[in-house]
Amino acid sequence: MWFGRISEQKARTLAALFSATSLLLAAALVGTCVYAYRLVELYRPTRLAVLPNPPASPLQVHYQLDVPGRGEIFPALAAGSPSDTWPVAILTIVNASDRPLLQTVSAEIFEWSRLSATTVIVGPRETRAVRINPELLPQAYQNNEIRRATLEVSASSPADPSEYTQTCSVYLHSVSDLYWGQKFANAQFIARWVTPHDPAVAQLVASARKYVARGRLAGYDLPGEGSKSRVAIQVRTEARAVFEAMRHLRISYVDSMYTFGSFTTEAERVRLPRETLLLSSANCIDVSVAFASAMENLGIDPVIVIVPGHAFMGVRLAPDSRQFLYLDLTVLPDGSFDQAISRANHWLKRRLRIACWRSTLRPLVPWGSTQSQSRSHNIPDPQ
């Protein structure tokens, strides 16, 4: 082989050349790594030292707790969007410092609500009002009398966990008390008393079968193709049957709407249909709610009409119809079905600007729909 003919001098020269080439490549590799490292360091964001921001001085933070509505709480208006109501309390935080303030506001009605917590940031020289509405516990919806309770409100910051605490008295109304509001702004909430699946209402509907031919109560359903006029006749017949069943119970008018507290002219105690049917006594709104529950049990759309000082009800005569049959049920127990219609028409002829409400707001008891839909419309001419 030709390698055998290379002299020793040439072999040494080649070895020296290879060694020098290897050293140059190693140096180039090291230089490349150093250059890349310097580029990374050059474009890496500079880390700034974060200095702790001293908290605002407690002397520059002021609190004011207000309890609107004289501290009265109506569970019937909870978990909804009433037009005329107030929060349980309002905590006003004034930050007079030049630094932002982080606050956690906690509140609880002892034995009646869950502990609520809200975190807010109050800017420098800013005032914030925090509305406080702790979620009520189930026992609040089983309470039948107005009761005094204690509300505790506290505010804390990361620097001071016990910065502010104050207690005050509040008054929890019965679940049967409804605050109507100014000009009946909360009237749609009366739908929470409409309980079509209550066993007492089902029993009333069952007893109404005795007052119709063949005991058939089919709501809006007619065999074959039924015109609106035929459906309206059937609805009238079924409304009369329920009326006769209620008259058989000898339901009498009893003025039992008084409620305690500071809003005796704007609030009212309303009975659930099972109470009305059990005691055979009711005022105008109680008996209207009971009748509306029976109509809804049959799949017929009821409405409850609220006028100053009185209430009556109506039923839609056909699906999607604007024609209603109105009944004033305070003629019970001795008045007739025709007299109930006549008395309701008397109220309508007074030309009051009134409206009727139909809603599927969450009921006060575990029967019925839990969706929250409502609508209001002007009352059409009675039929």
Protein backbone atom coordinates (compact mmCIF):
# COMPACT_ATOMS: atom_id res chain seq x y z
CA MET A 1 0.00 0.00 0.00
CA TRP A 2 1.07 3.54 -0.66
CA PHE A 3 0.77 4.44 3.07
CA GLY A 4 3.81 2.30 3.64
CA ARG A 5 5.91 4.53 1.41
CA ILE A 6 5.24 7.77 3.46
CA SER A 7 8.32 8.87 5.23
CA GLU A 8 8.37 9.44 8.96
CA GLN A 9 8.86 13.17 8.41
CA LYS A 10 5.71 13.46 6.32
CA ALA A 11 3.69 11.46 8.86
CA ARG A 12 4.69 13.85 11.59
CA THR A 13 3.72 16.80 9.43
CA LEU A 14 0.29 15.34 8.69
CA ALA A 15 -0.29 14.55 12.40
CA ALA A 16 0.62 18.10 13.33
CA LEU A 17 -1.78 19.43 10.67
CA PHE A 18 -4.67 17.26 11.93
CA SER A 19 -4.02 18.34 15.51
CA ALA A 20 -3.99 22.01 14.57
CA THR A 21 -7.25 21.58 12.60
CA SER A 22 -8.92 19.88 15.58
CA LEU A 23 -7.79 22.68 17.91
CA LEU A 24 -9.15 25.31 15.53
CA LEU A 25 -12.51 23.52 15.26
CA ALA A 26 -12.73 23.19 19.06
CA ALA A 27 -11.89 26.89 19.47
CA ALA A 28 -14.53 27.82 16.88
CA LEU A 29 -17.11 25.71 18.68
CA VAL A 30 -16.30 27.32 22.03
CA GLY A 31 -16.42 30.76 20.47
CA THR A 32 -19.82 30.03 18.92
CA CYS A 33 -21.23 28.90 22.28
CA VAL A 34 -19.88 32.00 24.01
CA TYR A 35 -21.33 34.25 21.31
CA ALA A 36 -24.75 32.57 21.52
CA TYR A 37 -24.75 32.87 25.33
CA ARG A 38 -23.94 36.58 25.11
CA LEU A 39 -26.78 37.10 22.60
CA VAL A 40 -29.25 35.37 24.93
CA GLU A 41 -28.11 37.46 27.87
CA LEU A 42 -28.29 40.62 25.76
CA TYR A 43 -32.00 40.13 24.85
CA ARG A 44 -33.18 38.58 28.11
CA PRO A 45 -35.63 40.93 29.96
CA THR A 46 -34.09 42.59 32.92
CA ARG A 47 -35.51 41.39 36.21
CA LEU A 48 -36.44 44.33 38.35
CA ALA A 49 -36.33 43.99 42.05
CA VAL A 50 -39.90 44.11 43.48
CA LEU A 51 -39.92 46.17 46.58
CA PRO A 52 -42.76 45.58 49.03
CA ASN A 53 -45.45 48.27 48.83
CA PRO A 54 -46.31 49.41 52.34
CA PRO A 55 -50.04 49.03 53.06
CA ALA A 56 -52.32 51.98 53.63
CA SER A 57 -52.41 53.20 57.18
CA PRO A 58 -55.52 52.09 59.14
CA LEU A 59 -55.98 55.74 60.04
CA GLN A 60 -56.61 56.49 56.36
CA VAL A 61 -59.31 53.80 55.86
CA HIS A 62 -62.85 54.49 57.08
CA TYR A 63 -65.91 52.22 57.18
CA GLN A 64 -69.64 52.96 57.37
CA LEU A 65 -72.24 50.18 57.70
CA ASP A 66 -75.82 51.02 56.69
CA VAL A 67 -78.87 48.75 56.92
CA PRO A 68 -81.51 49.95 54.42
CA GLY A 69 -85.14 48.93 54.58
CA ARG A 70 -84.97 49.23 58.36
CA GLY A 71 -83.15 45.91 58.37
CA GLU A 72 -86.16 43.91 57.14
CA ILE A 73 -85.55 40.88 54.91
CA PHE A 74 -88.26 39.24 52.76
CA PRO A 75 -87.23 35.68 51.77
CA ALA A 76 -89.99 35.61 49.14
CA LEU A 77 -88.00 38.15 47.10
CA ALA A 78 -84.68 36.28 47.40
CA ALA A 79 -83.01 34.64 44.39
CA GLY A 80 -84.92 36.92 42.02
CA SER A 81 -84.69 40.38 40.55
CA PRO A 82 -87.36 42.43 42.32
CA SER A 83 -87.85 45.94 41.02
CA ASP A 84 -88.32 47.49 44.45
CA THR A 85 -86.08 46.08 47.15
CA TRP A 86 -82.86 46.74 49.02
CA PRO A 87 -79.72 44.81 50.04
CA VAL A 88 -79.41 43.41 53.54
CA ALA A 89 -76.65 45.94 54.23
CA ILE A 90 -74.24 48.32 52.51
CA LEU A 91 -70.64 48.71 53.67
CA THR A 92 -69.01 51.94 52.46
CA ILE A 93 -65.19 51.89 52.38
CA VAL A 94 -63.29 55.16 52.10
CA ASN A 95 -59.63 54.94 51.11
CA ALA A 96 -58.01 58.30 51.95
CA SER A 97 -54.47 57.07 51.20
CA ASP A 98 -52.39 57.31 48.02
CA ARG A 99 -52.16 53.52 47.67
CA PRO A 100 -54.72 50.99 46.37
CA LEU A 101 -56.48 48.99 49.06
CA LEU A 102 -57.37 45.29 48.82
CA GLN A 103 -60.35 44.38 51.02
CA THR A 104 -62.29 41.17 51.64
CA VAL A 105 -65.80 41.88 52.93
CA SER A 106 -67.49 38.98 54.75
CA ALA A 107 -71.04 38.84 56.09
CA GLU A 108 -73.30 36.35 57.81
CA ILE A 109 -76.74 36.34 59.42
CA PHE A 110 -76.20 33.99 62.31
CA GLU A 111 -78.32 30.81 62.01
CA TRP A 112 -80.11 32.10 58.90
CA SER A 113 -77.54 32.52 56.11
CA ARG A 114 -74.30 31.21 54.70
CA LEU A 115 -71.08 33.15 55.09
CA SER A 116 -70.59 35.41 52.07
CA ALA A 117 -67.27 36.92 50.98
CA THR A 118 -66.53 39.60 48.39
CA THR A 119 -63.09 40.92 47.43
CA VAL A 120 -62.79 44.49 46.17
CA ILE A 121 -59.95 46.86 45.30
CA VAL A 122 -60.48 50.42 46.46
CA GLY A 123 -58.30 52.82 44.50
CA PRO A 124 -56.34 55.70 46.00
CA ARG A 125 -58.65 58.45 47.24
CA GLU A 126 -61.66 56.33 46.25
CA THR A 127 -64.92 55.43 47.99
CA ARG A 128 -66.60 52.06 47.33
CA ALA A 129 -70.04 50.87 48.46
CA VAL A 130 -70.31 47.08 48.80
CA ARG A 131 -73.84 45.63 48.69
CA ILE A 132 -74.23 42.72 51.10
CA ASN A 133 -76.73 39.92 50.42
CA PRO A 134 -75.79 36.65 52.16
CA GLU A 135 -77.46 33.54 50.74
CA LEU A 136 -80.29 32.42 53.02
CA LEU A 137 -80.30 28.91 54.45
CA PRO A 138 -83.25 26.51 53.88
CA GLN A 139 -84.66 27.21 57.36
CA ALA A 140 -85.29 30.81 56.30
CA TYR A 141 -87.82 29.45 53.78
CA GLN A 142 -89.55 27.46 56.52
CA ASN A 143 -89.91 30.35 58.93
CA ASN A 144 -93.50 31.51 59.47
CA GLU A 145 -93.00 34.50 61.79
CA ILE A 146 -90.95 37.69 61.73
CA ARG A 147 -87.79 37.09 63.74
CA ARG A 148 -84.94 39.22 64.98
CA ALA A 149 -81.48 38.09 63.87
CA THR A 150 -77.89 39.31 64.06
CA LEU A 151 -75.88 40.35 61.02
CA GLU A 152 -72.09 40.43 61.33
CA VAL A 153 -70.01 42.26 58.73
CA SER A 154 -66.21 42.28 58.65
CA ALA A 155 -63.56 43.70 56.34
CA SER A 156 -59.97 42.52 56.19
CA SER A 157 -56.80 43.03 54.19
CA PRO A 158 -53.73 40.81 53.72
CA ALA A 159 -51.86 43.03 56.17
CA ASP A 160 -54.62 43.02 58.82
CA PRO A 161 -57.03 40.02 58.94
CA SER A 162 -59.17 41.71 61.63
CA GLU A 163 -59.30 45.26 60.34
CA TYR A 164 -63.05 45.92 60.81
CA THR A 165 -65.99 44.03 62.38
CA GLN A 166 -69.48 45.23 63.27
CA THR A 167 -72.78 43.56 64.18
CA CYS A 168 -76.31 44.90 63.88
CA SER A 169 -79.89 43.66 64.19
CA VAL A 170 -81.96 42.66 61.18
CA TYR A 171 -85.51 41.26 60.93
CA LEU A 172 -86.30 38.15 58.91
CA HIS A 173 -89.88 38.05 57.66
CA SER A 174 -92.03 34.98 57.26
CA VAL A 175 -91.66 33.22 53.92
CA SER A 176 -95.37 33.98 53.41
CA ASP A 177 -94.84 37.75 53.60
CA LEU A 178 -94.74 39.51 50.24
CA TYR A 179 -93.46 43.06 49.92
CA TRP A 180 -95.48 44.47 47.03
CA GLY A 181 -93.26 47.52 46.59
CA GLN A 182 -94.26 50.98 45.48
CA LYS A 183 -97.07 50.83 42.89
CA PHE A 184 -96.98 47.01 43.08
CA ALA A 185 -93.52 46.90 41.50
CA ASN A 186 -92.95 43.37 42.86
CA ALA A 187 -96.40 42.01 41.97
CA GLN A 188 -94.96 39.38 39.60
CA PHE A 189 -93.60 37.53 42.62
CA ILE A 190 -97.12 36.44 43.57
CA ALA A 191 -96.58 33.67 41.01
CA ARG A 192 -94.35 31.95 43.57
CA TRP A 193 -97.50 31.06 45.49
CA VAL A 194 -99.00 29.28 42.47
CA THR A 195 -98.34 25.60 43.25
CA PRO A 196 -100.21 23.41 40.71
CA HIS A 197 -98.60 20.16 41.88
CA ASP A 198 -99.46 20.51 45.54
CA PRO A 199 -101.46 17.41 46.63
CA ALA A 200 -104.17 19.68 48.07
CA VAL A 201 -104.58 21.37 44.67
CA ALA A 202 -104.65 17.98 42.93
CA GLN A 203 -107.41 16.92 45.31
CA LEU A 204 -109.40 20.06 44.49
CA VAL A 205 -109.11 19.32 40.76
CA ALA A 206 -110.17 15.72 41.34
CA SER A 207 -113.28 16.86 43.22
CA ALA A 208 -114.12 19.26 40.36
CA ARG A 209 -114.69 16.27 38.07
CA LYS A 210 -118.10 15.82 39.68
CA TYR A 211 -119.27 19.07 38.09
CA VAL A 212 -118.51 18.30 34.42
CA ALA A 213 -120.02 15.83 32.00
CA ARG A 214 -118.29 12.45 32.06
CA GLY A 215 -115.84 13.84 34.62
CA ARG A 216 -113.51 15.00 31.88
CA LEU A 217 -111.14 17.90 32.61
CA ALA A 218 -108.86 18.20 29.57
CA GLY A 219 -107.66 21.80 29.73
CA TYR A 220 -107.19 23.11 26.20
CA ASP A 221 -107.29 19.66 24.58
CA LEU A 222 -110.25 18.83 22.38
CA PRO A 223 -110.77 15.61 20.40
CA GLY A 224 -110.25 16.26 16.71
CA GLU A 225 -109.81 19.77 15.38
CA GLY A 226 -111.23 22.23 17.91
CA SER A 227 -111.83 25.87 17.05
CA LYS A 228 -110.92 28.59 19.55
CA SER A 229 -114.60 29.15 20.28
CA ARG A 230 -115.11 25.48 21.19
CA VAL A 231 -111.96 25.51 23.34
CA ALA A 232 -113.22 28.67 25.09
CA ILE A 233 -116.53 26.94 25.91
CA GLN A 234 -114.62 23.99 27.37
CA VAL A 235 -112.37 26.26 29.46
CA ARG A 236 -115.42 28.10 30.82
CA THR A 237 -116.99 24.76 31.78
CA GLU A 238 -113.86 23.61 33.57
CA ALA A 239 -113.43 26.95 35.38
CA ARG A 240 -117.05 26.65 36.54
CA ALA A 241 -116.35 23.10 37.79
CA VAL A 242 -113.39 24.24 39.89
CA PHE A 243 -115.46 27.14 41.19
CA GLU A 244 -118.21 24.75 42.28
CA ALA A 245 -115.65 22.50 43.97
CA MET A 246 -114.35 25.49 45.95
CA ARG A 247 -117.86 26.55 46.84
CA HIS A 248 -118.51 23.04 48.12
CA LEU A 249 -115.56 23.54 50.50
CA ARG A 250 -117.38 26.60 51.88
CA ILE A 251 -114.34 28.82 51.47
CA SER A 252 -115.19 32.09 53.22
CA TYR A 253 -113.60 35.52 53.08
CA VAL A 254 -111.27 36.25 56.02
CA ASP A 255 -109.12 39.38 56.11
CA SER A 256 -105.85 37.83 57.33
CA MET A 257 -103.35 39.81 55.33
CA TYR A 258 -101.76 41.82 58.16
CA THR A 259 -98.02 41.45 58.61
CA PHE A 260 -95.73 42.89 61.25
CA GLY A 261 -92.79 45.20 60.64
CA SER A 262 -92.34 48.68 59.25
CA PHE A 263 -94.03 48.06 55.87
CA THR A 264 -97.56 47.17 56.96
CA THR A 265 -99.08 49.14 54.07
CA GLU A 266 -96.77 47.71 51.38
CA ALA A 267 -96.44 44.10 52.59
CA GLU A 268 -98.99 41.32 53.00
CA ARG A 269 -99.20 37.80 54.39
CA VAL A 270 -100.26 35.47 51.56
CA ARG A 271 -101.42 31.91 52.18
CA LEU A 272 -100.32 29.01 50.07
CA PRO A 273 -103.18 27.14 48.33
CA ARG A 274 -102.84 24.16 50.69
CA GLU A 275 -103.51 26.46 53.66
CA THR A 276 -106.53 28.05 51.98
CA LEU A 277 -108.00 24.67 51.06
CA LEU A 278 -107.31 23.18 54.48
CA LEU A 279 -108.78 26.07 56.49
CA SER A 280 -111.56 26.98 54.01
CA SER A 281 -110.82 30.66 54.58
CA ALA A 282 -109.02 33.20 52.44
CA ASN A 283 -108.82 36.82 51.41
CA CYS A 284 -108.94 38.00 47.80
CA ILE A 285 -105.32 37.21 46.94
CA ASP A 286 -105.32 33.85 48.78
CA VAL A 287 -108.35 32.51 46.93
CA SER A 288 -107.08 33.85 43.59
CA VAL A 289 -103.78 32.03 44.04
CA ALA A 290 -105.58 28.78 44.94
CA PHE A 291 -107.84 29.00 41.87
CA ALA A 292 -104.87 29.87 39.63
CA SER A 293 -103.04 26.79 40.94
CA ALA A 294 -105.97 24.55 40.00
CA MET A 295 -106.18 26.08 36.51
CA GLU A 296 -102.47 25.59 35.94
CA ASN A 297 -102.83 21.99 37.12
CA LEU A 298 -105.19 21.50 34.18
CA GLY A 299 -102.73 23.11 31.76
CA ILE A 300 -104.79 26.31 31.48
CA ASP A 301 -102.97 29.65 31.66
CA PRO A 302 -104.11 31.71 34.67
CA VAL A 303 -103.46 35.36 35.42
CA ILE A 304 -103.70 37.20 38.72
CA VAL A 305 -104.90 40.79 38.56
CA ILE A 306 -103.76 43.25 41.23
CA VAL A 307 -105.60 46.52 41.74
CA PRO A 308 -105.27 48.93 44.68
CA GLY A 309 -106.94 47.21 47.62
CA HIS A 310 -108.10 44.12 45.76
CA ALA A 311 -107.13 41.12 43.63
CA PHE A 312 -108.99 38.78 41.28
CA MET A 313 -107.97 36.28 38.64
CA GLY A 314 -108.56 35.22 35.07
CA VAL A 315 -107.99 32.31 32.71
CA ARG A 316 -106.86 32.39 29.09
CA LEU A 317 -109.68 30.99 26.98
CA ALA A 318 -107.45 29.36 24.35
CA PRO A 319 -103.73 28.84 23.74
CA ASP A 320 -102.04 32.08 22.60
CA SER A 321 -105.38 33.89 22.84
CA ARG A 322 -105.67 37.41 24.20
CA GLN A 323 -109.20 36.67 25.45
CA PHE A 324 -109.59 35.99 29.17
CA LEU A 325 -112.40 35.01 31.51
CA TYR A 326 -112.14 37.03 34.75
CA LEU A 327 -113.50 35.87 38.11
CA ASP A 328 -113.74 37.64 41.44
CA LEU A 329 -113.75 34.71 43.86
CA THR A 330 -114.64 36.76 46.91
CA VAL A 331 -118.29 35.92 46.12
CA LEU A 332 -117.64 32.51 47.70
CA PRO A 333 -119.16 30.60 49.37
CA ASP A 334 -122.70 31.74 48.58
CA GLY A 335 -122.23 33.61 45.32
CA SER A 336 -122.62 32.00 41.91
CA PHE A 337 -120.19 31.60 39.03
CA ASP A 338 -122.02 34.29 37.08
CA GLN A 339 -121.79 36.64 40.05
CA ALA A 340 -118.03 36.06 40.19
CA ILE A 341 -117.79 37.09 36.53
CA SER A 342 -119.99 40.13 37.09
CA ARG A 343 -117.98 41.35 40.06
CA ALA A 344 -114.68 40.98 38.15
CA ASN A 345 -116.14 42.92 35.23
CA HIS A 346 -117.18 45.64 37.68
CA TRP A 347 -113.52 46.10 38.63
CA LEU A 348 -112.48 46.15 34.98
CA LYS A 349 -115.07 48.80 34.15
CA ARG A 350 -113.54 51.14 36.70
CA ARG A 351 -110.94 51.80 33.97
CA LEU A 352 -108.03 51.55 36.33
CA ARG A 353 -104.67 51.31 34.67
CA ILE A 354 -103.85 47.82 35.85
CA ALA A 355 -101.86 44.90 34.57
CA CYS A 356 -101.84 41.18 35.12
CA TRP A 357 -98.87 38.98 35.76
CA ARG A 358 -98.15 35.42 34.77
CA SER A 359 -94.82 33.96 35.78
CA THR A 360 -92.90 30.75 36.40
CA LEU A 361 -90.58 32.16 39.02
CA ARG A 362 -89.24 29.65 41.53
CA PRO A 363 -92.08 28.71 43.90
CA LEU A 364 -91.87 29.00 47.66
CA VAL A 365 -92.32 25.24 48.05
CA PRO A 366 -90.67 22.44 46.05
CA TRP A 367 -93.48 22.15 43.51
CA GLY A 368 -93.56 23.66 40.04
CA SER A 369 -91.03 25.06 37.62
CA THR A 370 -87.72 26.56 38.68
CA GLN A 371 -87.20 28.64 35.57
CA SER A 372 -87.37 32.38 35.87
CA GLN A 373 -89.54 33.86 33.16
CA SER A 374 -92.24 36.47 33.52
CA ARG A 375 -94.29 38.75 31.39
CA SER A 376 -96.72 41.58 31.93
CA HIS A 377 -99.42 42.79 29.61
CA ASN A 378 -102.43 45.06 29.61
CA ILE A 379 -105.73 43.39 30.36
CA PRO A 380 -107.81 42.71 27.25
CA ASP A 381 -111.57 42.93 27.17
CA PRO A 382 -113.29 40.24 29.28
CA GLN A 383 -115.23 37.49 27.58
